[in-house]
C-alpha atoms as a PDB file:
ATOM      1  CA  MET A   1     -24.545  19.545 -13.030  1.00  0.00           C
ATOM      2  CA  VAL A   2     -24.777  17.446 -16.173  1.00  0.00           C
ATOM      3  CA  GLN A   3     -25.780  19.209 -19.357  1.00  0.00           C
ATOM      4  CA  GLN A   4     -27.131  17.484 -22.435  1.00  0.00           C
ATOM      5  CA  CYS A   5     -25.260  17.569 -25.742  1.00  0.00           C
ATOM      6  CA  ASN A   6     -26.912  19.829 -28.290  1.00  0.00           C
ATOM      7  CA  THR A   7     -28.564  18.415 -31.406  1.00  0.00           C
ATOM      8  CA  PHE A   8     -25.482  19.025 -33.586  1.00  0.00           C
ATOM      9  CA  PHE A   9     -23.205  16.983 -31.347  1.00  0.00           C
ATOM     10  CA  ARG A  10     -25.718  14.166 -30.890  1.00  0.00           C
ATOM     11  CA  ALA A  11     -26.171  13.898 -34.666  1.00  0.00           C
ATOM     12  CA  GLY A  12     -22.386  14.023 -35.161  1.00  0.00           C
ATOM     13  CA  PHE A  13     -21.792  11.207 -32.664  1.00  0.00           C
ATOM     14  CA  ARG A  14     -24.389   9.014 -34.408  1.00  0.00           C
ATOM     15  CA  ALA A  15     -22.462   9.595 -37.645  1.00  0.00           C
ATOM     16  CA  GLY A  16     -19.121   8.882 -35.920  1.00  0.00           C
ATOM     17  CA  ILE A  17     -17.972  12.513 -36.246  1.00  0.00           C
ATOM     18  CA  GLN A  18     -16.219  14.186 -33.349  1.00  0.00           C
ATOM     19  CA  PRO A  19     -15.330  17.840 -32.978  1.00  0.00           C
ATOM     20  CA  PRO A  20     -11.588  18.494 -33.584  1.00  0.00           C
ATOM     21  CA  GLU A  21     -11.174  19.742 -30.003  1.00  0.00           C
ATOM     22  CA  ILE A  22     -11.565  16.173 -28.734  1.00  0.00           C
ATOM     23  CA  HIS A  23      -8.118  15.250 -30.107  1.00  0.00           C
ATOM     24  CA  GLN A  24      -6.605  18.407 -28.576  1.00  0.00           C
ATOM     25  CA  ILE A  25      -8.141  17.614 -25.191  1.00  0.00           C
ATOM     26  CA  TRP A  26      -6.741  14.066 -25.299  1.00  0.00           C
ATOM     27  CA  GLN A  27      -3.303  15.533 -26.075  1.00  0.00           C
ATOM     28  CA  CYS A  28      -3.597  17.841 -23.054  1.00  0.00           C
ATOM     29  CA  LEU A  29      -4.680  14.947 -20.821  1.00  0.00           C
ATOM     30  CA  HIS A  30      -1.713  12.906 -22.048  1.00  0.00           C
ATOM     31  CA  GLN A  31       0.563  15.549 -20.477  1.00  0.00           C
ATOM     32  CA  ILE A  32      -0.749  14.856 -16.944  1.00  0.00           C
ATOM     33  CA  ALA A  33       1.612  12.455 -15.185  1.00  0.00           C
ATOM     34  CA  ASP A  34       0.421  10.047 -12.542  1.00  0.00           C
ATOM     35  CA  PRO A  35       1.919  11.336  -9.262  1.00  0.00           C
ATOM     36  CA  GLU A  36       2.947   7.835  -8.127  1.00  0.00           C
ATOM     37  CA  LEU A  37       4.261   6.788 -11.559  1.00  0.00           C
ATOM     38  CA  PRO A  38       5.633   9.965 -13.154  1.00  0.00           C
ATOM     39  CA  ALA A  39       6.873   8.038 -16.216  1.00  0.00           C
ATOM     40  CA  LEU A  40       3.203   7.446 -17.127  1.00  0.00           C
ATOM     41  CA  SER A  41       0.336   9.758 -17.974  1.00  0.00           C
ATOM     42  CA  ILE A  42      -3.245   9.276 -16.905  1.00  0.00           C
ATOM     43  CA  THR A  43      -4.077   8.358 -20.505  1.00  0.00           C
ATOM     44  CA  ASP A  44      -1.270   5.749 -20.586  1.00  0.00           C
ATOM     45  CA  LEU A  45      -2.910   4.153 -17.565  1.00  0.00           C
ATOM     46  CA  GLY A  46      -6.371   4.239 -19.169  1.00  0.00           C
ATOM     47  CA  MET A  47      -7.813   6.429 -16.414  1.00  0.00           C
ATOM     48  CA  ILE A  48      -9.594   8.696 -18.902  1.00  0.00           C
ATOM     49  CA  ARG A  49     -12.555   6.779 -20.221  1.00  0.00           C
ATOM     50  CA  ALA A  50     -14.180   9.453 -22.410  1.00  0.00           C
ATOM     51  CA  VAL A  51     -14.158  13.093 -23.447  1.00  0.00           C
ATOM     52  CA  THR A  52     -17.574  14.397 -24.394  1.00  0.00           C
ATOM     53  CA  PRO A  53     -18.588  17.814 -25.724  1.00  0.00           C
ATOM     54  CA  LEU A  54     -21.469  19.427 -23.877  1.00  0.00           C
ATOM     55  CA  GLN A  55     -23.638  22.316 -24.968  1.00  0.00           C
ATOM     56  CA  ASN A  56     -21.534  24.499 -22.655  1.00  0.00           C
ATOM     57  CA  GLY A  57     -18.131  22.929 -21.977  1.00  0.00           C
ATOM     58  CA  TRP A  58     -16.707  19.443 -21.768  1.00  0.00           C
ATOM     59  CA  ARG A  59     -17.223  16.291 -19.734  1.00  0.00           C
ATOM     60  CA  VAL A  60     -14.215  14.128 -18.909  1.00  0.00           C
ATOM     61  CA  THR A  61     -15.025  10.656 -17.607  1.00  0.00           C
ATOM     62  CA  PHE A  62     -12.295   9.637 -15.182  1.00  0.00           C
ATOM     63  CA  THR A  63     -11.726   6.275 -13.468  1.00  0.00           C
ATOM     64  CA  PRO A  64      -9.172   6.296 -10.621  1.00  0.00           C
ATOM     65  CA  THR A  65      -6.989   3.231 -10.268  1.00  0.00           C
ATOM     66  CA  TYR A  66      -8.974   2.320  -7.175  1.00  0.00           C
ATOM     67  CA  SER A  67     -11.831   3.972  -5.301  1.00  0.00           C
ATOM     68  CA  GLY A  68      -9.682   5.035  -2.339  1.00  0.00           C
ATOM     69  CA  CYS A  69      -6.757   6.321  -4.401  1.00  0.00           C
ATOM     70  CA  PRO A  70      -5.190   9.248  -2.501  1.00  0.00           C
ATOM     71  CA  ALA A  71      -4.264  10.950  -5.795  1.00  0.00           C
ATOM     72  CA  THR A  72      -7.869  11.244  -7.038  1.00  0.00           C
ATOM     73  CA  GLU A  73      -8.458  14.844  -5.922  1.00  0.00           C
ATOM     74  CA  TYR A  74      -5.016  15.884  -7.148  1.00  0.00           C
ATOM     75  CA  LEU A  75      -5.726  14.379 -10.588  1.00  0.00           C
ATOM     76  CA  ILE A  76      -9.181  15.944 -10.832  1.00  0.00           C
ATOM     77  CA  ASN A  77      -7.624  19.351 -10.125  1.00  0.00           C
ATOM     78  CA  ALA A  78      -4.817  18.667 -12.626  1.00  0.00           C
ATOM     79  CA  ILE A  79      -7.369  17.786 -15.330  1.00  0.00           C
ATOM     80  CA  GLN A  80      -9.373  20.947 -14.708  1.00  0.00           C
ATOM     81  CA  GLU A  81      -6.285  23.203 -14.545  1.00  0.00           C
ATOM     82  CA  THR A  82      -4.613  21.681 -17.618  1.00  0.00           C
ATOM     83  CA  LEU A  83      -7.726  21.976 -19.750  1.00  0.00           C
ATOM     84  CA  ALA A  84      -8.511  25.490 -18.482  1.00  0.00           C
ATOM     85  CA  GLN A  85      -4.977  26.619 -19.394  1.00  0.00           C
ATOM     86  CA  ALA A  86      -5.546  25.230 -22.883  1.00  0.00           C
ATOM     87  CA  GLY A  87      -8.815  27.171 -23.183  1.00  0.00           C
ATOM     88  CA  PHE A  88     -11.256  24.317 -22.625  1.00  0.00           C
ATOM     89  CA  THR A  89     -13.797  25.524 -20.074  1.00  0.00           C
ATOM     90  CA  PRO A  90     -15.909  24.694 -18.280  1.00  0.00           C
ATOM     91  CA  VAL A  91     -14.847  21.118 -17.614  1.00  0.00           C
ATOM     92  CA  TYR A  92     -17.063  18.721 -15.705  1.00  0.00           C
ATOM     93  CA  ILE A  93     -15.339  15.666 -14.265  1.00  0.00           C
ATOM     94  CA  GLU A  94     -17.454  12.546 -14.049  1.00  0.00           C
ATOM     95  CA  ILE A  95     -15.926   9.919 -11.781  1.00  0.00           C
ATOM     96  CA  SER A  96     -16.810   6.461 -13.030  1.00  0.00           C
ATOM     97  CA  LEU A  97     -16.110   3.545 -10.699  1.00  0.00           C
ATOM     98  CA  THR A  98     -17.942   1.017 -12.866  1.00  0.00           C
ATOM     99  CA  PRO A  99     -16.357  -0.799 -14.478  1.00  0.00           C
ATOM    100  CA  ALA A 100     -13.501  -0.701 -12.011  1.00  0.00           C
ATOM    101  CA  TRP A 101     -10.076   0.257 -13.350  1.00  0.00           C
ATOM    102  CA  THR A 102      -7.899  -2.660 -14.373  1.00  0.00           C
ATOM    103  CA  THR A 103      -4.253  -2.979 -15.380  1.00  0.00           C
ATOM    104  CA  ASP A 104      -5.594  -4.347 -18.670  1.00  0.00           C
ATOM    105  CA  TRP A 105      -6.357  -0.701 -19.568  1.00  0.00           C
ATOM    106  CA  MET A 106      -2.652   0.205 -19.546  1.00  0.00           C
ATOM    107  CA  ASN A 107      -1.236   0.532 -23.050  1.00  0.00           C
ATOM    108  CA  ALA A 108       1.830  -1.416 -24.213  1.00  0.00           C
ATOM    109  CA  ASP A 109       3.988   1.724 -24.272  1.00  0.00           C
ATOM    110  CA  ALA A 110       3.124   2.369 -20.614  1.00  0.00           C
ATOM    111  CA  LYS A 111       4.208  -1.138 -19.644  1.00  0.00           C
ATOM    112  CA  GLN A 112       7.502  -0.666 -21.478  1.00  0.00           C
ATOM    113  CA  ARG A 113       8.136   2.674 -19.733  1.00  0.00           C
ATOM    114  CA  LEU A 114       7.422   1.052 -16.362  1.00  0.00           C
ATOM    115  CA  ARG A 115      10.043  -1.591 -17.137  1.00  0.00           C
ATOM    116  CA  GLU A 116      12.542   1.102 -18.200  1.00  0.00           C
ATOM    117  CA  SER A 117      11.978   2.940 -14.915  1.00  0.00           C
ATOM    118  CA  GLY A 118      12.731  -0.206 -12.876  1.00  0.00           C
ATOM    119  CA  ILE A 119       9.165  -1.357 -12.149  1.00  0.00           C
ATOM    120  CA  ALA A 120       8.009  -4.737 -13.435  1.00  0.00           C
ATOM    121  CA  PRO A 121       4.761  -4.152 -15.348  1.00  0.00           C
ATOM    122  CA  PRO A 122       1.683  -6.301 -14.775  1.00  0.00           C
ATOM    123  CA  GLN A 123       1.962  -9.604 -16.586  1.00  0.00           C
ATOM    124  CA  GLY A 124      -0.958 -11.333 -18.284  1.00  0.00           C
ATOM    125  CA  LEU A 125      -4.578 -10.383 -18.061  1.00  0.00           C
ATOM    126  CA  ALA A 126      -5.755  -9.192 -14.667  1.00  0.00           C
ATOM    127  CA  CYS A 127      -7.082 -12.112 -12.650  1.00  0.00           C
ATOM    128  CA  GLU A 128      -6.043 -14.586 -15.385  1.00  0.00           C
ATOM    129  CA  LYS A 129      -2.298 -14.871 -14.767  1.00  0.00           C
ATOM    130  CA  THR A 130      -0.790 -13.738 -11.515  1.00  0.00           C
ATOM    131  CA  ALA A 131       2.587 -13.724  -9.843  1.00  0.00           C
ATOM    132  CA  ASP A 132       1.561 -16.933  -8.057  1.00  0.00           C
ATOM    133  CA  VAL A 133       1.276 -18.732 -11.416  1.00  0.00           C
ATOM    134  CA  GLU A 134       3.913 -17.094 -13.585  1.00  0.00           C
ATOM    135  CA  PRO A 135       7.326 -15.827 -12.429  1.00  0.00           C
ATOM    136  CA  ILE A 136       7.763 -12.062 -12.498  1.00  0.00           C
ATOM    137  CA  THR A 137      10.444 -10.824 -14.879  1.00  0.00           C
ATOM    138  CA  CYS A 138      13.148  -8.605 -13.380  1.00  0.00           C
ATOM    139  CA  PRO A 139      13.004  -5.161 -15.048  1.00  0.00           C
ATOM    140  CA  CYS A 140      16.754  -4.723 -14.486  1.00  0.00           C
ATOM    141  CA  CYS A 141      18.239  -7.877 -16.053  1.00  0.00           C
ATOM    142  CA  GLY A 142      15.265  -9.755 -17.538  1.00  0.00           C
ATOM    143  CA  SER A 143      15.675 -12.828 -15.322  1.00  0.00           C
ATOM    144  CA  HIS A 144      12.651 -14.939 -14.356  1.00  0.00           C
ATOM    145  CA  GLU A 145      14.412 -16.018 -11.178  1.00  0.00           C
ATOM    146  CA  THR A 146      12.666 -13.636  -8.814  1.00  0.00           C
ATOM    147  CA  GLU A 147      11.086 -13.880  -5.389  1.00  0.00           C
ATOM    148  CA  LYS A 148       8.375 -11.933  -3.621  1.00  0.00           C
ATOM    149  CA  ILE A 149       9.669 -10.111  -0.556  1.00  0.00           C
ATOM    150  CA  SER A 150       6.429  -8.372   0.410  1.00  0.00           C
ATOM    151  CA  GLU A 151       2.862  -8.275  -0.869  1.00  0.00           C
ATOM    152  CA  PHE A 152       3.084  -4.476  -0.697  1.00  0.00           C
ATOM    153  CA  GLY A 153       5.751  -2.302  -2.258  1.00  0.00           C
ATOM    154  CA  SER A 154       6.088   1.467  -2.364  1.00  0.00           C
ATOM    155  CA  THR A 155       2.315   1.754  -2.930  1.00  0.00           C
ATOM    156  CA  ALA A 156      -0.621  -0.599  -2.346  1.00  0.00           C
ATOM    157  CA  CYS A 157      -0.837  -1.437  -6.068  1.00  0.00           C
ATOM    158  CA  LYS A 158       2.720  -2.775  -6.131  1.00  0.00           C
ATOM    159  CA  ALA A 159       4.460  -5.755  -4.529  1.00  0.00           C
ATOM    160  CA  LEU A 160       8.141  -5.850  -3.611  1.00  0.00           C
ATOM    161  CA  TYR A 161      10.319  -8.432  -5.379  1.00  0.00           C
ATOM    162  CA  ARG A 162      14.008  -9.267  -5.550  1.00  0.00           C
ATOM    163  CA  CYS A 163      15.886 -10.723  -8.480  1.00  0.00           C
ATOM    164  CA  GLN A 164      17.940 -13.793  -7.579  1.00  0.00           C
ATOM    165  CA  GLN A 165      20.250 -13.162 -10.568  1.00  0.00           C
ATOM    166  CA  CYS A 166      21.241  -9.484 -10.180  1.00  0.00           C
ATOM    167  CA  LEU A 167      20.052  -9.258  -6.522  1.00  0.00           C
ATOM    168  CA  GLU A 168      18.230  -5.962  -7.202  1.00  0.00           C
ATOM    169  CA  PRO A 169      14.966  -5.299  -5.349  1.00  0.00           C
ATOM    170  CA  PHE A 170      12.152  -3.958  -7.531  1.00  0.00           C
ATOM    171  CA  ASP A 171       8.462  -3.120  -7.461  1.00  0.00           C
ATOM    172  CA  TYR A 172       6.009  -5.253  -9.410  1.00  0.00           C
ATOM    173  CA  PHE A 173       2.819  -3.464 -10.503  1.00  0.00           C
ATOM    174  CA  LYS A 174       0.181  -6.034  -9.523  1.00  0.00           C
ATOM    175  CA  CYS A 175      -2.539  -7.211 -11.859  1.00  0.00           C
ATOM    176  CA  ILE A 176      -5.713  -5.517 -10.765  1.00  0.00           C
END
């Protein structure tokens, strides 16, 4: 059930004004960790596309990392529970698959935290530079002397690499 914004909110958006709760909601959403990448929040990954006030409640526009992501239902429930605990109800989750999620939506801090947790972050713009063109940097020692072991790592969005310098295996978060 989608409800229309009331006249006050529509006029405020035209003027570039947002209710102060929007910032609070974003802060709450930033506390929700991705279950496959607990070092990152769903906002770090760019999975939250918008927070919109409705006449009665809030709409959160959510884009999963891919349409078949097994964590989608878990994350929808986490969004609703987190916002309800903070007093933001009702919450309507709008799943948006267009445009499709891309690693380009990850913020720089998220990529750094991936590296610190032993996962090589995506390099270059999705579809522009890939591991086939540019060597993947080892998150452990920083070497560019790496080799792909498997197209798939611990999850479908990662590939398994090994550093030829420090000999450590590591996941590379593929450009999507």
